[in-house]
C-alpha atoms as a PDB file:
ATOM      1  CA  MET A   1     -60.287 -10.956  13.624  1.00  0.00           C
ATOM      2  CA  ALA A   2     -57.791 -13.763  13.001  1.00  0.00           C
ATOM      3  CA  TYR A   3     -56.643 -14.870   9.562  1.00  0.00           C
ATOM      4  CA  GLY A   4     -56.273 -18.522  10.369  1.00  0.00           C
ATOM      5  CA  GLY A   5     -52.564 -18.313  11.199  1.00  0.00           C
ATOM      6  CA  ARG A   6     -51.406 -18.039   7.588  1.00  0.00           C
ATOM      7  CA  TYR A   7     -49.089 -15.364   6.271  1.00  0.00           C
ATOM      8  CA  LYS A   8     -51.005 -13.201   3.780  1.00  0.00           C
ATOM      9  CA  GLY A   9     -47.996 -11.596   2.079  1.00  0.00           C
ATOM     10  CA  ARG A  10     -46.213 -13.055  -0.912  1.00  0.00           C
ATOM     11  CA  ARG A  11     -47.696 -16.180  -2.426  1.00  0.00           C
ATOM     12  CA  SER A  12     -45.565 -19.277  -2.411  1.00  0.00           C
ATOM     13  CA  GLY A  13     -45.357 -19.384  -6.204  1.00  0.00           C
ATOM     14  CA  GLU A  14     -44.215 -15.766  -6.650  1.00  0.00           C
ATOM     15  CA  PRO A  15     -40.504 -15.052  -6.990  1.00  0.00           C
ATOM     16  CA  LYS A  16     -38.739 -13.043  -4.317  1.00  0.00           C
ATOM     17  CA  PHE A  17     -38.209  -9.404  -5.210  1.00  0.00           C
ATOM     18  CA  HIS A  18     -34.764  -7.998  -4.474  1.00  0.00           C
ATOM     19  CA  PRO A  19     -34.644  -4.198  -4.651  1.00  0.00           C
ATOM     20  CA  PRO A  20     -31.672  -2.763  -6.548  1.00  0.00           C
ATOM     21  CA  SER A  21     -28.714  -1.894  -4.372  1.00  0.00           C
ATOM     22  CA  GLU A  22     -28.189   1.775  -3.628  1.00  0.00           C
ATOM     23  CA  ASN A  23     -24.425   1.794  -4.153  1.00  0.00           C
ATOM     24  CA  ASP A  24     -22.443   0.297  -6.987  1.00  0.00           C
ATOM     25  CA  ARG A  25     -19.469  -1.752  -5.956  1.00  0.00           C
ATOM     26  CA  THR A  26     -16.115  -0.099  -6.514  1.00  0.00           C
ATOM     27  CA  SER A  27     -12.636  -1.536  -6.614  1.00  0.00           C
ATOM     28  CA  MET A  28     -10.733  -0.851  -3.424  1.00  0.00           C
ATOM     29  CA  LEU A  29      -7.643  -2.110  -1.661  1.00  0.00           C
ATOM     30  CA  ASN A  30      -8.089  -5.492  -0.002  1.00  0.00           C
ATOM     31  CA  ARG A  31      -7.817  -4.644   3.707  1.00  0.00           C
ATOM     32  CA  ASN A  32      -6.741  -8.183   4.589  1.00  0.00           C
ATOM     33  CA  ARG A  33      -3.564  -7.716   2.554  1.00  0.00           C
ATOM     34  CA  VAL A  34      -2.580  -4.149   3.521  1.00  0.00           C
ATOM     35  CA  THR A  35       0.620  -5.271   5.268  1.00  0.00           C
ATOM     36  CA  SER A  36       1.792  -7.195   2.202  1.00  0.00           C
ATOM     37  CA  PHE A  37       0.870  -4.247  -0.019  1.00  0.00           C
ATOM     38  CA  ARG A  38       2.793  -1.790   2.170  1.00  0.00           C
ATOM     39  CA  TYR A  39       5.863  -4.031   2.126  1.00  0.00           C
ATOM     40  CA  ALA A  40       5.735  -4.416  -1.674  1.00  0.00           C
ATOM     41  CA  VAL A  41       5.325  -0.664  -2.280  1.00  0.00           C
ATOM     42  CA  ARG A  42       8.241   0.164   0.017  1.00  0.00           C
ATOM     43  CA  GLU A  43      10.339  -2.399  -1.849  1.00  0.00           C
ATOM     44  CA  ILE A  44       9.500  -0.671  -5.148  1.00  0.00           C
ATOM     45  CA  MET A  45      10.411   2.704  -3.656  1.00  0.00           C
ATOM     46  CA  GLN A  46      13.789   1.399  -2.441  1.00  0.00           C
ATOM     47  CA  ARG A  47      14.561  -0.290  -5.755  1.00  0.00           C
ATOM     48  CA  HIS A  48      13.947   2.952  -7.669  1.00  0.00           C
ATOM     49  CA  GLU A  49      15.882   4.983  -5.064  1.00  0.00           C
ATOM     50  CA  ILE A  50      13.096   7.394  -4.163  1.00  0.00           C
ATOM     51  CA  GLU A  51      13.976   9.557  -1.165  1.00  0.00           C
ATOM     52  CA  GLU A  52      12.599   8.319   2.162  1.00  0.00           C
ATOM     53  CA  GLY A  53      10.458  11.370   3.034  1.00  0.00           C
ATOM     54  CA  ALA A  54       8.673  11.441  -0.317  1.00  0.00           C
ATOM     55  CA  ALA A  55       8.292   7.655  -0.351  1.00  0.00           C
ATOM     56  CA  SER A  56       6.671   7.629   3.080  1.00  0.00           C
ATOM     57  CA  SER A  57       4.074  10.261   2.177  1.00  0.00           C
ATOM     58  CA  ILE A  58       3.306   8.636  -1.192  1.00  0.00           C
ATOM     59  CA  VAL A  59       2.834   5.202   0.386  1.00  0.00           C
ATOM     60  CA  ALA A  60       0.535   6.585   3.101  1.00  0.00           C
ATOM     61  CA  SER A  61      -1.553   8.543   0.591  1.00  0.00           C
ATOM     62  CA  VAL A  62      -1.834   5.613  -1.815  1.00  0.00           C
ATOM     63  CA  ILE A  63      -2.999   3.280   0.962  1.00  0.00           C
ATOM     64  CA  ALA A  64      -5.509   5.826   2.272  1.00  0.00           C
ATOM     65  CA  LYS A  65      -6.965   6.633  -1.153  1.00  0.00           C
ATOM     66  CA  SER A  66      -7.121   3.031  -2.326  1.00  0.00           C
ATOM     67  CA  SER A  67      -8.744   1.711   0.844  1.00  0.00           C
ATOM     68  CA  ARG A  68     -11.241   4.555   1.350  1.00  0.00           C
ATOM     69  CA  ILE A  69     -12.061   6.008  -2.092  1.00  0.00           C
ATOM     70  CA  SER A  70     -11.061   3.682  -4.939  1.00  0.00           C
ATOM     71  CA  ILE A  71      -8.156   2.126  -6.783  1.00  0.00           C
ATOM     72  CA  GLY A  72      -8.687   4.557  -9.683  1.00  0.00           C
ATOM     73  CA  GLU A  73      -8.194   7.561  -7.410  1.00  0.00           C
ATOM     74  CA  ALA A  74      -5.014   6.045  -5.996  1.00  0.00           C
ATOM     75  CA  GLN A  75      -3.663   5.401  -9.489  1.00  0.00           C
ATOM     76  CA  ALA A  76      -4.484   8.971 -10.496  1.00  0.00           C
ATOM     77  CA  TYR A  77      -2.578  10.189  -7.429  1.00  0.00           C
ATOM     78  CA  VAL A  78       0.451   8.075  -8.377  1.00  0.00           C
ATOM     79  CA  ARG A  79       0.389   9.492 -11.926  1.00  0.00           C
ATOM     80  CA  GLU A  80       0.123  13.012 -10.492  1.00  0.00           C
ATOM     81  CA  GLN A  81       3.182  12.397  -8.305  1.00  0.00           C
ATOM     82  CA  GLN A  82       5.003  11.071 -11.359  1.00  0.00           C
ATOM     83  CA  LYS A  83       4.274  14.317 -13.239  1.00  0.00           C
ATOM     84  CA  LEU A  84       5.519  16.326 -10.264  1.00  0.00           C
ATOM     85  CA  GLY A  85       8.783  14.383 -10.380  1.00  0.00           C
ATOM     86  CA  CYS A  86       8.514  12.591  -7.039  1.00  0.00           C
ATOM     87  CA  CYS A  87       8.819   9.150  -8.629  1.00  0.00           C
ATOM     88  CA  SER A  88       9.972   7.725 -11.929  1.00  0.00           C
ATOM     89  CA  PRO A  89       7.579   6.463 -14.623  1.00  0.00           C
ATOM     90  CA  ALA A  90       8.806   2.897 -14.065  1.00  0.00           C
ATOM     91  CA  ALA A  91       8.039   3.113 -10.340  1.00  0.00           C
ATOM     92  CA  ALA A  92       4.603   4.595 -11.039  1.00  0.00           C
ATOM     93  CA  ASP A  93       3.821   1.759 -13.466  1.00  0.00           C
ATOM     94  CA  GLU A  94       4.861  -0.857 -10.920  1.00  0.00           C
ATOM     95  CA  ILE A  95       2.765   0.747  -8.166  1.00  0.00           C
ATOM     96  CA  CYS A  96      -0.298   0.890 -10.442  1.00  0.00           C
ATOM     97  CA  ASP A  97       0.176  -2.781 -11.378  1.00  0.00           C
ATOM     98  CA  LEU A  98       0.498  -3.630  -7.700  1.00  0.00           C
ATOM     99  CA  LEU A  99      -2.720  -1.748  -6.951  1.00  0.00           C
ATOM    100  CA  ASN A 100      -4.504  -3.826  -9.585  1.00  0.00           C
ATOM    101  CA  ARG A 101      -3.246  -7.054  -7.995  1.00  0.00           C
ATOM    102  CA  PHE A 102      -4.435  -6.091  -4.499  1.00  0.00           C
ATOM    103  CA  THR A 103      -7.950  -5.058  -5.623  1.00  0.00           C
ATOM    104  CA  LYS A 104     -11.219  -6.148  -4.049  1.00  0.00           C
ATOM    105  CA  PHE A 105     -14.709  -4.984  -4.998  1.00  0.00           C
ATOM    106  CA  ARG A 106     -16.597  -3.417  -2.075  1.00  0.00           C
END
């Protein structure tokens, strides 16, 4: 039996219902600016005279953590490396500030 061609769902006067999103948005590295971020971090590492092998692994880990997990995890990793003595407190502060500047909510 036909309904006269009219949609029998939501009435025209009722507001649309948007279900709550399953995931909260987290701050992550802006993927469009990864090249600029990598260049800036390497510049910080050279300015603070961090050895090349340690600098390379720190940069790779920071980019991976910040683009896949969150900026907070990447900053925690930088602070952990600072405590281990791989980088100076000034370098760690600059990297954390840089992470905050290259943040995007996803």
